[in-house]
C-alpha atoms as a PDB file:
ATOM      1  CA  MET A   1      41.019 -45.286 -27.889  1.00  0.00           C
ATOM      2  CA  PRO A   2      40.682 -42.733 -25.051  1.00  0.00           C
ATOM      3  CA  SER A   3      37.601 -42.533 -23.293  1.00  0.00           C
ATOM      4  CA  GLU A   4      35.311 -39.800 -23.663  1.00  0.00           C
ATOM      5  CA  PRO A   5      34.233 -37.705 -20.622  1.00  0.00           C
ATOM      6  CA  PRO A   6      30.558 -38.210 -19.816  1.00  0.00           C
ATOM      7  CA  SER A   7      28.481 -35.541 -21.349  1.00  0.00           C
ATOM      8  CA  ARG A   8      27.735 -32.983 -19.012  1.00  0.00           C
ATOM      9  CA  ARG A   9      24.720 -30.803 -19.065  1.00  0.00           C
ATOM     10  CA  PRO A  10      25.247 -27.297 -17.908  1.00  0.00           C
ATOM     11  CA  VAL A  11      24.186 -26.862 -14.424  1.00  0.00           C
ATOM     12  CA  SER A  12      21.912 -23.866 -14.367  1.00  0.00           C
ATOM     13  CA  ALA A  13      22.254 -21.617 -11.419  1.00  0.00           C
ATOM     14  CA  PRO A  14      19.117 -21.534  -9.177  1.00  0.00           C
ATOM     15  CA  ALA A  15      16.857 -18.949  -9.915  1.00  0.00           C
ATOM     16  CA  PRO A  16      17.187 -15.845  -7.822  1.00  0.00           C
ATOM     17  CA  PRO A  17      14.471 -15.324  -5.297  1.00  0.00           C
ATOM     18  CA  ASP A  18      11.614 -13.502  -6.816  1.00  0.00           C
ATOM     19  CA  ASP A  19      11.522 -10.200  -4.790  1.00  0.00           C
ATOM     20  CA  TRP A  20       8.066  -9.411  -5.918  1.00  0.00           C
ATOM     21  CA  GLY A  21       6.707 -12.695  -4.769  1.00  0.00           C
ATOM     22  CA  ASN A  22       8.478 -12.774  -1.402  1.00  0.00           C
ATOM     23  CA  SER A  23       7.329  -9.233  -0.721  1.00  0.00           C
ATOM     24  CA  ARG A  24       3.760  -9.542  -2.041  1.00  0.00           C
ATOM     25  CA  LEU A  25       2.572 -10.584   1.414  1.00  0.00           C
ATOM     26  CA  MET A  26       4.114  -7.555   2.964  1.00  0.00           C
ATOM     27  CA  LEU A  27       2.655  -5.288   0.321  1.00  0.00           C
ATOM     28  CA  TYR A  28      -0.780  -6.621   1.090  1.00  0.00           C
ATOM     29  CA  LEU A  29      -0.129  -5.835   4.894  1.00  0.00           C
ATOM     30  CA  TYR A  30       0.848  -2.458   4.008  1.00  0.00           C
ATOM     31  CA  ALA A  31      -2.522  -1.911   1.801  1.00  0.00           C
ATOM     32  CA  MET A  32      -4.743  -3.166   4.667  1.00  0.00           C
ATOM     33  CA  PRO A  33      -6.881  -0.349   5.737  1.00  0.00           C
ATOM     34  CA  VAL A  34      -6.143   1.204   9.221  1.00  0.00           C
ATOM     35  CA  VAL A  35      -3.900  -2.042  10.125  1.00  0.00           C
ATOM     36  CA  GLY A  36      -1.456  -1.409   7.356  1.00  0.00           C
ATOM     37  CA  PHE A  37      -0.661   2.144   8.542  1.00  0.00           C
ATOM     38  CA  VAL A  38       1.729   1.073  11.282  1.00  0.00           C
ATOM     39  CA  PRO A  39       3.950  -1.121   9.151  1.00  0.00           C
ATOM     40  CA  ALA A  40       3.838   1.586   6.320  1.00  0.00           C
ATOM     41  CA  LEU A  41       4.993   4.247   8.753  1.00  0.00           C
ATOM     42  CA  TRP A  42       7.624   2.225  10.174  1.00  0.00           C
ATOM     43  CA  THR A  43       9.177   1.571   6.482  1.00  0.00           C
ATOM     44  CA  VAL A  44       8.752   5.395   5.628  1.00  0.00           C
ATOM     45  CA  TYR A  45      10.343   6.548   8.730  1.00  0.00           C
ATOM     46  CA  TYR A  46      13.235   4.171   8.683  1.00  0.00           C
ATOM     47  CA  ARG A  47      13.628   4.058   5.088  1.00  0.00           C
ATOM     48  CA  GLN A  48      13.733   0.252   4.918  1.00  0.00           C
ATOM     49  CA  GLY A  49      12.729  -2.050   2.227  1.00  0.00           C
ATOM     50  CA  SER A  50      12.689  -2.010  -1.662  1.00  0.00           C
ATOM     51  CA  GLN A  51      11.696   1.285  -3.814  1.00  0.00           C
ATOM     52  CA  GLN A  52       8.440  -0.466  -4.433  1.00  0.00           C
ATOM     53  CA  ARG A  53       7.611  -0.991  -0.600  1.00  0.00           C
ATOM     54  CA  GLN A  54       8.761   2.753   0.020  1.00  0.00           C
ATOM     55  CA  GLU A  55       6.667   4.007  -2.557  1.00  0.00           C
ATOM     56  CA  LEU A  56       3.498   1.852  -1.367  1.00  0.00           C
ATOM     57  CA  SER A  57       4.258   2.897   2.061  1.00  0.00           C
ATOM     58  CA  ARG A  58       4.564   6.660   1.348  1.00  0.00           C
ATOM     59  CA  THR A  59       0.981   6.328  -0.420  1.00  0.00           C
ATOM     60  CA  VAL A  60      -0.702   4.278   2.341  1.00  0.00           C
ATOM     61  CA  VAL A  61       0.580   6.851   4.970  1.00  0.00           C
ATOM     62  CA  ILE A  62      -0.891   9.831   2.911  1.00  0.00           C
ATOM     63  CA  LEU A  63      -3.902   7.993   2.432  1.00  0.00           C
ATOM     64  CA  THR A  64      -4.551   6.862   5.964  1.00  0.00           C
ATOM     65  CA  LEU A  65      -3.632  10.307   7.342  1.00  0.00           C
ATOM     66  CA  GLY A  66      -5.983  11.913   4.784  1.00  0.00           C
ATOM     67  CA  TRP A  67      -8.780   9.697   5.856  1.00  0.00           C
ATOM     68  CA  LEU A  68      -8.207  10.127   9.513  1.00  0.00           C
ATOM     69  CA  ILE A  69      -8.108  13.711   9.618  1.00  0.00           C
ATOM     70  CA  THR A  70     -11.146  13.913   7.367  1.00  0.00           C
ATOM     71  CA  TYR A  71     -13.003  11.162   9.492  1.00  0.00           C
ATOM     72  CA  VAL A  72     -12.357  13.109  12.748  1.00  0.00           C
ATOM     73  CA  SER A  73     -13.110  16.533  11.540  1.00  0.00           C
ATOM     74  CA  LEU A  74     -16.452  15.320   9.934  1.00  0.00           C
ATOM     75  CA  GLY A  75     -17.248  13.425  13.317  1.00  0.00           C
ATOM     76  CA  ILE A  76     -16.602  16.610  15.491  1.00  0.00           C
ATOM     77  CA  GLY A  77     -18.515  18.775  12.805  1.00  0.00           C
ATOM     78  CA  ALA A  78     -21.621  16.201  12.909  1.00  0.00           C
ATOM     79  CA  LYS A  79     -21.513  16.433  16.661  1.00  0.00           C
ATOM     80  CA  ASN A  80     -21.555  20.114  16.795  1.00  0.00           C
ATOM     81  CA  ALA A  81     -23.616  21.023  13.724  1.00  0.00           C
ATOM     82  CA  GLY A  82     -27.202  20.466  14.945  1.00  0.00           C
ATOM     83  CA  SER A  83     -29.274  20.564  11.767  1.00  0.00           C
ATOM     84  CA  LEU A  84     -26.355  19.660   9.381  1.00  0.00           C
ATOM     85  CA  ALA A  85     -25.422  16.363  11.332  1.00  0.00           C
ATOM     86  CA  LEU A  86     -27.005  13.964   9.094  1.00  0.00           C
ATOM     87  CA  GLN A  87     -25.427  15.458   6.111  1.00  0.00           C
ATOM     88  CA  LEU A  88     -22.023  15.293   7.994  1.00  0.00           C
ATOM     89  CA  TRP A  89     -22.420  11.617   8.927  1.00  0.00           C
ATOM     90  CA  PHE A  90     -23.304  10.904   5.578  1.00  0.00           C
ATOM     91  CA  ALA A  91     -20.059  12.418   4.089  1.00  0.00           C
ATOM     92  CA  ASN A  92     -18.202  10.672   6.821  1.00  0.00           C
ATOM     93  CA  SER A  93     -19.553   7.346   5.540  1.00  0.00           C
ATOM     94  CA  ILE A  94     -18.684   8.192   1.777  1.00  0.00           C
ATOM     95  CA  VAL A  95     -14.996   9.285   2.996  1.00  0.00           C
ATOM     96  CA  THR A  96     -14.712   6.006   4.948  1.00  0.00           C
ATOM     97  CA  SER A  97     -15.885   3.712   2.319  1.00  0.00           C
ATOM     98  CA  GLY A  98     -13.669   5.741  -0.335  1.00  0.00           C
ATOM     99  CA  TYR A  99     -10.699   4.800   1.906  1.00  0.00           C
ATOM    100  CA  PHE A 100     -11.465   1.281   2.177  1.00  0.00           C
ATOM    101  CA  LEU A 101     -12.244   0.945  -1.458  1.00  0.00           C
ATOM    102  CA  SER A 102      -8.865   2.662  -2.133  1.00  0.00           C
ATOM    103  CA  SER A 103      -7.188   0.080   0.200  1.00  0.00           C
ATOM    104  CA  ILE A 104      -8.868  -2.724  -1.847  1.00  0.00           C
ATOM    105  CA  TRP A 105      -7.726  -1.154  -5.086  1.00  0.00           C
ATOM    106  CA  LEU A 106      -4.430  -1.022  -4.094  1.00  0.00           C
ATOM    107  CA  MET A 107      -4.647  -4.661  -3.036  1.00  0.00           C
ATOM    108  CA  VAL A 108      -5.879  -5.682  -6.521  1.00  0.00           C
ATOM    109  CA  LYS A 109      -3.072  -3.719  -8.157  1.00  0.00           C
ATOM    110  CA  ILE A 110      -0.681  -5.704  -6.078  1.00  0.00           C
ATOM    111  CA  ARG A 111      -2.278  -8.816  -6.949  1.00  0.00           C
ATOM    112  CA  GLN A 112      -1.984  -8.113 -10.836  1.00  0.00           C
ATOM    113  CA  ARG A 113       1.637  -7.032 -10.374  1.00  0.00           C
ATOM    114  CA  LYS A 114       1.037  -3.568 -11.425  1.00  0.00           C
ATOM    115  CA  PRO A 115       2.300  -0.281  -9.804  1.00  0.00           C
ATOM    116  CA  ALA A 116       0.295   0.158  -6.812  1.00  0.00           C
ATOM    117  CA  ARG A 117      -0.456   3.809  -7.347  1.00  0.00           C
ATOM    118  CA  LEU A 118      -3.457   6.184  -6.648  1.00  0.00           C
ATOM    119  CA  PRO A 119      -3.724   9.202  -8.959  1.00  0.00           C
ATOM    120  CA  LEU A 120      -3.635  12.298  -6.583  1.00  0.00           C
ATOM    121  CA  ILE A 121      -2.398  10.332  -3.311  1.00  0.00           C
ATOM    122  CA  SER A 122       0.532   8.802  -5.037  1.00  0.00           C
ATOM    123  CA  GLN A 123       1.822  12.249  -6.564  1.00  0.00           C
ATOM    124  CA  ALA A 124       1.405  13.808  -3.186  1.00  0.00           C
ATOM    125  CA  SER A 125       3.250  10.756  -1.569  1.00  0.00           C
ATOM    126  CA  ASP A 126       6.141  11.246  -4.185  1.00  0.00           C
ATOM    127  CA  ARG A 127       6.843  14.605  -2.511  1.00  0.00           C
ATOM    128  CA  LEU A 128       7.464  12.986   0.902  1.00  0.00           C
ATOM    129  CA  PRO A 129      11.158  12.266   1.921  1.00  0.00           C
END
């Protein structure tokens, strides 16, 4: 009687690294208010990373630049406005709060593993090279 070879279980290949899980920390870094602008700009300029990173980076760059331009403009206007200064400072605080809330919203979307897009900002960022 020939001996039968021991039964072999199929060896499953190791699971491919989860690009989403590995890059989630980097996506959180990009979405951080003010601080995330630098790595996001780097990614946009050098066109590095996955498609998801590039899309988020473009969104963050547009969002941050829009906030910064508005913040500086309203700040300069408030210093020179005289009687309208209080209203301009108030508008400045609303814009800044909106920027921070938008950044937090992007982080929530990343946490939920959904596309991190903002309605108007992402549409504008899609037009970037």
